[in-house]
Amino acid sequence: HDRPAGLSHLALRQADANAMQFVQQLALHMLQSDEMWKQHQARMAVEGTPINDADRAKLIGLFQKHPRAVTLNKGSILGVIPEAIQLAIPVLEKRRWRVERVPQGGGDLVLPNCPVTLTQRSNVVPMNIRGLLAEDTLMLLPLSPGILLVSIYSRREVGRPTAGAAHANTCALNSLEQRGAVPHKSACVFARKPDFPIVAADGTIRTFRAAFPEFKLVGA
């Protein structure tokens, strides 16, 4: 747990990465879609740089070989954040929300650099509009060491066990690791105490220090 960069800086870095992935996927989709390609051809013709179907085939091959051929300027996501919020609000309203209190003695919740986790079974779901609508996803956000905001999206009524501190903390750690949301040296988990409960690989509830004795905690 090295000293982290500011949360806002890390959030923008992740937003830039998400936007880059979206633009790359959109560029390839545009090339593969006849309708979108014709629209692109029309725009290019108006701008005085016409392109033909041979150019299209070359570009598709380029994108398939080099997925990162399209790039965005650093911080470019700032311009689309207001529109993204407008898109996200109706989606978030479709989810079911509740607030859970961790039982006394159940341990504290921890807050990682990327505080919102979105999981589906054992897999980390992409934090985008499609991910937010993925069936049976569980979204977690610690509000305090003992209070957790929980959101479920399901097309059918299903019972879900309480998230609990150990499960929520494990989701937070898995999210940091699997999303690659922040560089390893910037990754940090904020906790009120020097140790916290997690669900170990064997399914038992253990403390983080017991499960990972080699991991050095700041201030511990």
C-alpha atoms as a PDB file:
ATOM      1  CA  HIS A   1       0.000   0.000   0.000  1.00  0.00           C
ATOM      2  CA  ASP A   2       2.119   2.893  -1.268  1.00  0.00           C
ATOM      3  CA  ARG A   3       0.933   6.436  -0.813  1.00  0.00           C
ATOM      4  CA  PRO A   4      -1.791   6.869  -3.444  1.00  0.00           C
ATOM      5  CA  ALA A   5      -2.319   9.684  -5.867  1.00  0.00           C
ATOM      6  CA  GLY A   6      -5.466  11.733  -5.338  1.00  0.00           C
ATOM      7  CA  LEU A   7      -8.698   9.826  -5.834  1.00  0.00           C
ATOM      8  CA  SER A   8      -9.900  12.333  -8.433  1.00  0.00           C
ATOM      9  CA  HIS A   9      -6.696  11.869 -10.431  1.00  0.00           C
ATOM     10  CA  LEU A  10      -7.051   8.091 -10.345  1.00  0.00           C
ATOM     11  CA  ALA A  11     -10.714   8.291 -11.312  1.00  0.00           C
ATOM     12  CA  LEU A  12      -9.859  10.442 -14.327  1.00  0.00           C
ATOM     13  CA  ARG A  13      -7.098   8.034 -15.316  1.00  0.00           C
ATOM     14  CA  GLN A  14      -9.573   5.147 -15.255  1.00  0.00           C
ATOM     15  CA  ALA A  15     -12.167   7.196 -17.118  1.00  0.00           C
ATOM     16  CA  ASP A  16      -9.612   7.957 -19.825  1.00  0.00           C
ATOM     17  CA  ALA A  17      -8.813   4.237 -20.108  1.00  0.00           C
ATOM     18  CA  ASN A  18     -12.512   3.353 -20.397  1.00  0.00           C
ATOM     19  CA  ALA A  19     -13.052   6.053 -23.028  1.00  0.00           C
ATOM     20  CA  MET A  20     -10.044   4.811 -25.003  1.00  0.00           C
ATOM     21  CA  GLN A  21     -11.408   1.277 -25.040  1.00  0.00           C
ATOM     22  CA  PHE A  22     -14.823   2.509 -26.143  1.00  0.00           C
ATOM     23  CA  VAL A  23     -13.394   4.623 -28.987  1.00  0.00           C
ATOM     24  CA  GLN A  24     -11.287   1.702 -30.207  1.00  0.00           C
ATOM     25  CA  GLN A  25     -14.304  -0.607 -30.222  1.00  0.00           C
ATOM     26  CA  LEU A  26     -16.434   2.052 -31.933  1.00  0.00           C
ATOM     27  CA  ALA A  27     -13.811   2.615 -34.636  1.00  0.00           C
ATOM     28  CA  LEU A  28     -13.709  -1.075 -35.517  1.00  0.00           C
ATOM     29  CA  HIS A  29     -17.505  -1.310 -35.406  1.00  0.00           C
ATOM     30  CA  MET A  30     -17.768   1.689 -37.736  1.00  0.00           C
ATOM     31  CA  LEU A  31     -15.488  -0.024 -40.239  1.00  0.00           C
ATOM     32  CA  GLN A  32     -17.379  -3.307 -40.074  1.00  0.00           C
ATOM     33  CA  SER A  33     -20.859  -1.735 -40.337  1.00  0.00           C
ATOM     34  CA  ASP A  34     -21.922  -0.972 -43.928  1.00  0.00           C
ATOM     35  CA  GLU A  35     -24.267   1.788 -42.780  1.00  0.00           C
ATOM     36  CA  MET A  36     -21.721   3.509 -40.534  1.00  0.00           C
ATOM     37  CA  TRP A  37     -19.002   3.143 -43.173  1.00  0.00           C
ATOM     38  CA  LYS A  38     -21.175   4.885 -45.783  1.00  0.00           C
ATOM     39  CA  GLN A  39     -21.830   7.727 -43.361  1.00  0.00           C
ATOM     40  CA  HIS A  40     -18.094   8.024 -42.701  1.00  0.00           C
ATOM     41  CA  GLN A  41     -17.387   8.018 -46.455  1.00  0.00           C
ATOM     42  CA  ALA A  42     -19.889  10.834 -46.935  1.00  0.00           C
ATOM     43  CA  ARG A  43     -18.276  12.950 -44.206  1.00  0.00           C
ATOM     44  CA  MET A  44     -14.795  12.391 -45.610  1.00  0.00           C
ATOM     45  CA  ALA A  45     -15.987  13.336 -49.128  1.00  0.00           C
ATOM     46  CA  VAL A  46     -17.450  16.609 -47.807  1.00  0.00           C
ATOM     47  CA  GLU A  47     -14.105  17.332 -46.123  1.00  0.00           C
ATOM     48  CA  GLY A  48     -12.317  16.786 -49.443  1.00  0.00           C
ATOM     49  CA  THR A  49     -10.555  13.533 -48.527  1.00  0.00           C
ATOM     50  CA  PRO A  50     -12.654  10.780 -50.159  1.00  0.00           C
ATOM     51  CA  ILE A  51     -11.980   7.158 -49.223  1.00  0.00           C
ATOM     52  CA  ASN A  52     -12.978   3.925 -50.945  1.00  0.00           C
ATOM     53  CA  ASP A  53     -13.682   0.323 -49.990  1.00  0.00           C
ATOM     54  CA  ALA A  54     -10.026  -0.629 -50.479  1.00  0.00           C
ATOM     55  CA  ASP A  55      -9.134   1.847 -47.728  1.00  0.00           C
ATOM     56  CA  ARG A  56     -11.816   0.228 -45.576  1.00  0.00           C
ATOM     57  CA  ALA A  57     -10.285  -3.249 -45.912  1.00  0.00           C
ATOM     58  CA  LYS A  58      -6.827  -1.882 -45.049  1.00  0.00           C
ATOM     59  CA  LEU A  59      -8.170  -0.083 -41.980  1.00  0.00           C
ATOM     60  CA  ILE A  60     -10.017  -3.169 -40.721  1.00  0.00           C
ATOM     61  CA  GLY A  61      -6.807  -5.187 -41.011  1.00  0.00           C
ATOM     62  CA  LEU A  62      -4.905  -2.427 -39.199  1.00  0.00           C
ATOM     63  CA  PHE A  63      -7.350  -2.273 -36.300  1.00  0.00           C
ATOM     64  CA  GLN A  64      -7.485  -6.047 -35.959  1.00  0.00           C
ATOM     65  CA  LYS A  65      -3.689  -6.179 -35.804  1.00  0.00           C
ATOM     66  CA  HIS A  66      -3.239  -3.047 -33.695  1.00  0.00           C
ATOM     67  CA  PRO A  67      -6.333  -2.524 -31.470  1.00  0.00           C
ATOM     68  CA  ARG A  68      -4.765   0.595 -29.949  1.00  0.00           C
ATOM     69  CA  ALA A  69      -4.261   2.373 -33.257  1.00  0.00           C
ATOM     70  CA  VAL A  70      -6.790   5.020 -32.176  1.00  0.00           C
ATOM     71  CA  THR A  71      -5.822   7.194 -29.233  1.00  0.00           C
ATOM     72  CA  LEU A  72      -7.362  10.042 -27.249  1.00  0.00           C
ATOM     73  CA  ASN A  73      -5.728  13.075 -25.741  1.00  0.00           C
ATOM     74  CA  LYS A  74      -5.113  12.868 -22.011  1.00  0.00           C
ATOM     75  CA  GLY A  75      -8.070  14.263 -20.105  1.00  0.00           C
ATOM     76  CA  SER A  76     -10.333  14.229 -23.160  1.00  0.00           C
ATOM     77  CA  ILE A  77     -12.950  12.358 -21.130  1.00  0.00           C
ATOM     78  CA  LEU A  78     -13.726  15.569 -19.205  1.00  0.00           C
ATOM     79  CA  GLY A  79     -15.732  16.900 -22.137  1.00  0.00           C
ATOM     80  CA  VAL A  80     -18.111  13.937 -22.215  1.00  0.00           C
ATOM     81  CA  ILE A  81     -18.615  13.454 -18.473  1.00  0.00           C
ATOM     82  CA  PRO A  82     -21.822  15.587 -18.341  1.00  0.00           C
ATOM     83  CA  GLU A  83     -23.361  13.553 -21.181  1.00  0.00           C
ATOM     84  CA  ALA A  84     -22.224  10.296 -19.566  1.00  0.00           C
ATOM     85  CA  ILE A  85     -23.948  11.292 -16.330  1.00  0.00           C
ATOM     86  CA  GLN A  86     -27.205  11.893 -18.213  1.00  0.00           C
ATOM     87  CA  LEU A  87     -26.925   8.413 -19.752  1.00  0.00           C
ATOM     88  CA  ALA A  88     -26.045   6.722 -16.471  1.00  0.00           C
ATOM     89  CA  ILE A  89     -28.789   8.181 -14.261  1.00  0.00           C
ATOM     90  CA  PRO A  90     -31.723   6.355 -15.958  1.00  0.00           C
ATOM     91  CA  VAL A  91     -29.719   3.121 -15.846  1.00  0.00           C
ATOM     92  CA  LEU A  92     -28.928   3.513 -12.156  1.00  0.00           C
ATOM     93  CA  GLU A  93     -32.619   4.186 -11.478  1.00  0.00           C
ATOM     94  CA  LYS A  94     -33.432   0.724 -12.873  1.00  0.00           C
ATOM     95  CA  ARG A  95     -31.290  -0.945 -10.242  1.00  0.00           C
ATOM     96  CA  ARG A  96     -32.580  -1.848  -6.785  1.00  0.00           C
ATOM     97  CA  TRP A  97     -30.818  -0.154  -3.876  1.00  0.00           C
ATOM     98  CA  ARG A  98     -30.528  -0.785  -0.185  1.00  0.00           C
ATOM     99  CA  VAL A  99     -28.302   0.216   2.720  1.00  0.00           C
ATOM    100  CA  GLU A 100     -26.783  -2.504   4.908  1.00  0.00           C
ATOM    101  CA  ARG A 101     -25.242  -2.177   8.324  1.00  0.00           C
ATOM    102  CA  VAL A 102     -22.404  -4.548   9.140  1.00  0.00           C
ATOM    103  CA  PRO A 103     -23.317  -6.619  12.253  1.00  0.00           C
ATOM    104  CA  GLN A 104     -21.361  -5.831  15.388  1.00  0.00           C
ATOM    105  CA  GLY A 105     -18.196  -7.883  15.383  1.00  0.00           C
ATOM    106  CA  GLY A 106     -18.382  -8.395  11.607  1.00  0.00           C
ATOM    107  CA  GLY A 107     -15.344  -6.250  10.953  1.00  0.00           C
ATOM    108  CA  ASP A 108     -14.822  -2.966   9.164  1.00  0.00           C
ATOM    109  CA  LEU A 109     -15.369  -2.107   5.519  1.00  0.00           C
ATOM    110  CA  VAL A 110     -12.418  -0.804   3.531  1.00  0.00           C
ATOM    111  CA  LEU A 111     -12.317   1.769   0.743  1.00  0.00           C
ATOM    112  CA  PRO A 112      -9.993   1.209  -2.240  1.00  0.00           C
ATOM    113  CA  ASN A 113      -8.835   3.792  -4.771  1.00  0.00           C
ATOM    114  CA  CYS A 114     -11.793   2.848  -6.968  1.00  0.00           C
ATOM    115  CA  PRO A 115     -14.525   2.710  -4.297  1.00  0.00           C
ATOM    116  CA  VAL A 116     -17.400   1.339  -6.415  1.00  0.00           C
ATOM    117  CA  THR A 117     -17.175  -2.362  -7.248  1.00  0.00           C
ATOM    118  CA  LEU A 118     -19.410  -4.125  -9.771  1.00  0.00           C
ATOM    119  CA  THR A 119     -19.297  -7.912  -9.711  1.00  0.00           C
ATOM    120  CA  GLN A 120     -21.186 -10.852 -11.169  1.00  0.00           C
ATOM    121  CA  ARG A 121     -20.502 -14.137  -9.419  1.00  0.00           C
ATOM    122  CA  SER A 122     -16.670 -14.281  -9.357  1.00  0.00           C
ATOM    123  CA  ASN A 123     -16.125 -12.094 -12.424  1.00  0.00           C
ATOM    124  CA  VAL A 124     -15.548  -8.366 -12.546  1.00  0.00           C
ATOM    125  CA  VAL A 125     -18.092  -6.720 -14.843  1.00  0.00           C
ATOM    126  CA  PRO A 126     -17.084  -3.750 -17.057  1.00  0.00           C
ATOM    127  CA  MET A 127     -18.025  -0.471 -15.409  1.00  0.00           C
ATOM    128  CA  ASN A 128     -20.034   0.822 -18.363  1.00  0.00           C
ATOM    129  CA  ILE A 129     -23.715   1.096 -19.321  1.00  0.00           C
ATOM    130  CA  ARG A 130     -23.885  -2.527 -20.469  1.00  0.00           C
ATOM    131  CA  GLY A 131     -22.126  -3.629 -17.319  1.00  0.00           C
ATOM    132  CA  LEU A 132     -24.549  -1.708 -15.133  1.00  0.00           C
ATOM    133  CA  LEU A 133     -27.432  -3.579 -16.790  1.00  0.00           C
ATOM    134  CA  ALA A 134     -25.766  -7.002 -16.613  1.00  0.00           C
ATOM    135  CA  GLU A 135     -28.159  -9.415 -14.943  1.00  0.00           C
ATOM    136  CA  ASP A 136     -27.526 -10.365 -11.320  1.00  0.00           C
ATOM    137  CA  THR A 137     -24.724  -7.869 -10.834  1.00  0.00           C
ATOM    138  CA  LEU A 138     -23.912  -6.651  -7.350  1.00  0.00           C
ATOM    139  CA  MET A 139     -22.666  -3.088  -6.869  1.00  0.00           C
ATOM    140  CA  LEU A 140     -21.050  -2.160  -3.575  1.00  0.00           C
ATOM    141  CA  LEU A 141     -19.988   1.184  -2.128  1.00  0.00           C
ATOM    142  CA  PRO A 142     -18.818   1.549   1.487  1.00  0.00           C
ATOM    143  CA  LEU A 143     -20.315   4.681   3.034  1.00  0.00           C
ATOM    144  CA  SER A 144     -18.552   4.286   6.362  1.00  0.00           C
ATOM    145  CA  PRO A 145     -16.608   1.526   8.186  1.00  0.00           C
ATOM    146  CA  GLY A 146     -19.941  -0.076   9.137  1.00  0.00           C
ATOM    147  CA  ILE A 147     -22.443   0.981   6.452  1.00  0.00           C
ATOM    148  CA  LEU A 148     -22.576  -0.331   2.898  1.00  0.00           C
ATOM    149  CA  LEU A 149     -24.625   0.825  -0.091  1.00  0.00           C
ATOM    150  CA  VAL A 150     -25.735  -2.217  -2.110  1.00  0.00           C
ATOM    151  CA  SER A 151     -27.306  -2.243  -5.560  1.00  0.00           C
ATOM    152  CA  ILE A 152     -28.730  -5.226  -7.429  1.00  0.00           C
ATOM    153  CA  TYR A 153     -29.895  -5.471 -11.027  1.00  0.00           C
ATOM    154  CA  SER A 154     -31.902  -8.541 -11.910  1.00  0.00           C
ATOM    155  CA  ARG A 155     -34.744  -9.227 -14.296  1.00  0.00           C
ATOM    156  CA  ARG A 156     -36.120 -11.801 -11.918  1.00  0.00           C
ATOM    157  CA  GLU A 157     -36.711 -11.712  -8.200  1.00  0.00           C
ATOM    158  CA  VAL A 158     -33.853 -13.578  -6.589  1.00  0.00           C
ATOM    159  CA  GLY A 159     -32.702 -13.668  -3.032  1.00  0.00           C
ATOM    160  CA  ARG A 160     -29.179 -12.443  -2.415  1.00  0.00           C
ATOM    161  CA  PRO A 161     -27.278 -12.988   0.827  1.00  0.00           C
ATOM    162  CA  THR A 162     -26.122  -9.957   2.735  1.00  0.00           C
ATOM    163  CA  ALA A 163     -22.854  -8.637   1.327  1.00  0.00           C
ATOM    164  CA  GLY A 164     -21.127  -8.370   4.701  1.00  0.00           C
ATOM    165  CA  ALA A 165     -17.766  -6.771   5.454  1.00  0.00           C
ATOM    166  CA  ALA A 166     -15.663  -9.789   4.449  1.00  0.00           C
ATOM    167  CA  HIS A 167     -17.419 -10.211   1.095  1.00  0.00           C
ATOM    168  CA  ALA A 168     -17.431  -6.477   0.336  1.00  0.00           C
ATOM    169  CA  ASN A 169     -13.734  -6.165   1.155  1.00  0.00           C
ATOM    170  CA  THR A 170     -12.917  -9.165  -1.058  1.00  0.00           C
ATOM    171  CA  CYS A 171     -14.903  -7.639  -3.934  1.00  0.00           C
ATOM    172  CA  ALA A 172     -13.006  -4.375  -3.515  1.00  0.00           C
ATOM    173  CA  LEU A 173      -9.622  -6.120  -3.637  1.00  0.00           C
ATOM    174  CA  ASN A 174     -10.617  -8.279  -6.610  1.00  0.00           C
ATOM    175  CA  SER A 175     -11.891  -5.235  -8.442  1.00  0.00           C
ATOM    176  CA  LEU A 176      -8.614  -3.377  -7.998  1.00  0.00           C
ATOM    177  CA  GLU A 177      -6.609  -6.384  -9.173  1.00  0.00           C
ATOM    178  CA  GLN A 178      -8.736  -7.591 -12.089  1.00  0.00           C
ATOM    179  CA  ARG A 179      -9.758  -4.237 -13.510  1.00  0.00           C
ATOM    180  CA  GLY A 180      -6.194  -2.982 -13.485  1.00  0.00           C
ATOM    181  CA  ALA A 181      -7.829   0.300 -12.567  1.00  0.00           C
ATOM    182  CA  VAL A 182      -4.709   1.788 -11.040  1.00  0.00           C
ATOM    183  CA  PRO A 183      -0.983   0.994 -11.288  1.00  0.00           C
ATOM    184  CA  HIS A 184       0.302  -1.352  -8.589  1.00  0.00           C
ATOM    185  CA  LYS A 185       2.391   1.380  -6.962  1.00  0.00           C
ATOM    186  CA  SER A 186      -0.644   3.642  -6.702  1.00  0.00           C
ATOM    187  CA  ALA A 187      -3.065   0.984  -5.463  1.00  0.00           C
ATOM    188  CA  CYS A 188      -4.218   1.611  -1.928  1.00  0.00           C
ATOM    189  CA  VAL A 189      -6.941   0.408   0.401  1.00  0.00           C
ATOM    190  CA  PHE A 190      -8.084   2.788   3.113  1.00  0.00           C
ATOM    191  CA  ALA A 191      -9.065   1.165   6.414  1.00  0.00           C
ATOM    192  CA  ARG A 192      -9.743   2.488   9.909  1.00  0.00           C
ATOM    193  CA  LYS A 193      -7.748  -0.367  11.437  1.00  0.00           C
ATOM    194  CA  PRO A 194      -4.498  -2.015  10.266  1.00  0.00           C
ATOM    195  CA  ASP A 195      -6.314  -5.222   9.308  1.00  0.00           C
ATOM    196  CA  PHE A 196      -9.699  -6.190   7.882  1.00  0.00           C
ATOM    197  CA  PRO A 197     -11.728  -9.356   7.143  1.00  0.00           C
ATOM    198  CA  ILE A 198     -11.836 -11.005   3.717  1.00  0.00           C
ATOM    199  CA  VAL A 199     -13.087 -14.286   2.303  1.00  0.00           C
ATOM    200  CA  ALA A 200     -10.081 -16.569   1.761  1.00  0.00           C
ATOM    201  CA  ALA A 201      -9.651 -18.838  -1.261  1.00  0.00           C
ATOM    202  CA  ASP A 202     -11.066 -21.783   0.721  1.00  0.00           C
ATOM    203  CA  GLY A 203     -14.261 -19.854   1.477  1.00  0.00           C
ATOM    204  CA  THR A 204     -13.464 -19.168   5.114  1.00  0.00           C
ATOM    205  CA  ILE A 205     -13.459 -15.675   6.605  1.00  0.00           C
ATOM    206  CA  ARG A 206      -9.963 -14.602   7.567  1.00  0.00           C
ATOM    207  CA  THR A 207      -8.122 -11.357   8.099  1.00  0.00           C
ATOM    208  CA  PHE A 208      -6.183  -9.836   5.235  1.00  0.00           C
ATOM    209  CA  ARG A 209      -2.922 -10.072   7.185  1.00  0.00           C
ATOM    210  CA  ALA A 210      -3.478 -13.787   7.857  1.00  0.00           C
ATOM    211  CA  ALA A 211      -4.310 -14.528   4.224  1.00  0.00           C
ATOM    212  CA  PHE A 212      -1.459 -12.432   2.823  1.00  0.00           C
ATOM    213  CA  PRO A 213       1.290 -12.212   5.463  1.00  0.00           C
ATOM    214  CA  GLU A 214       3.804 -11.029   2.845  1.00  0.00           C
ATOM    215  CA  PHE A 215       1.778  -7.898   2.090  1.00  0.00           C
ATOM    216  CA  LYS A 216       3.049  -4.860   3.965  1.00  0.00           C
ATOM    217  CA  LEU A 217       0.388  -2.487   5.253  1.00  0.00           C
ATOM    218  CA  VAL A 218       1.244   1.199   5.628  1.00  0.00           C
ATOM    219  CA  GLY A 219       1.372   2.216   9.243  1.00  0.00           C
ATOM    220  CA  ALA A 220       1.043  -1.383  10.436  1.00  0.00           C
END
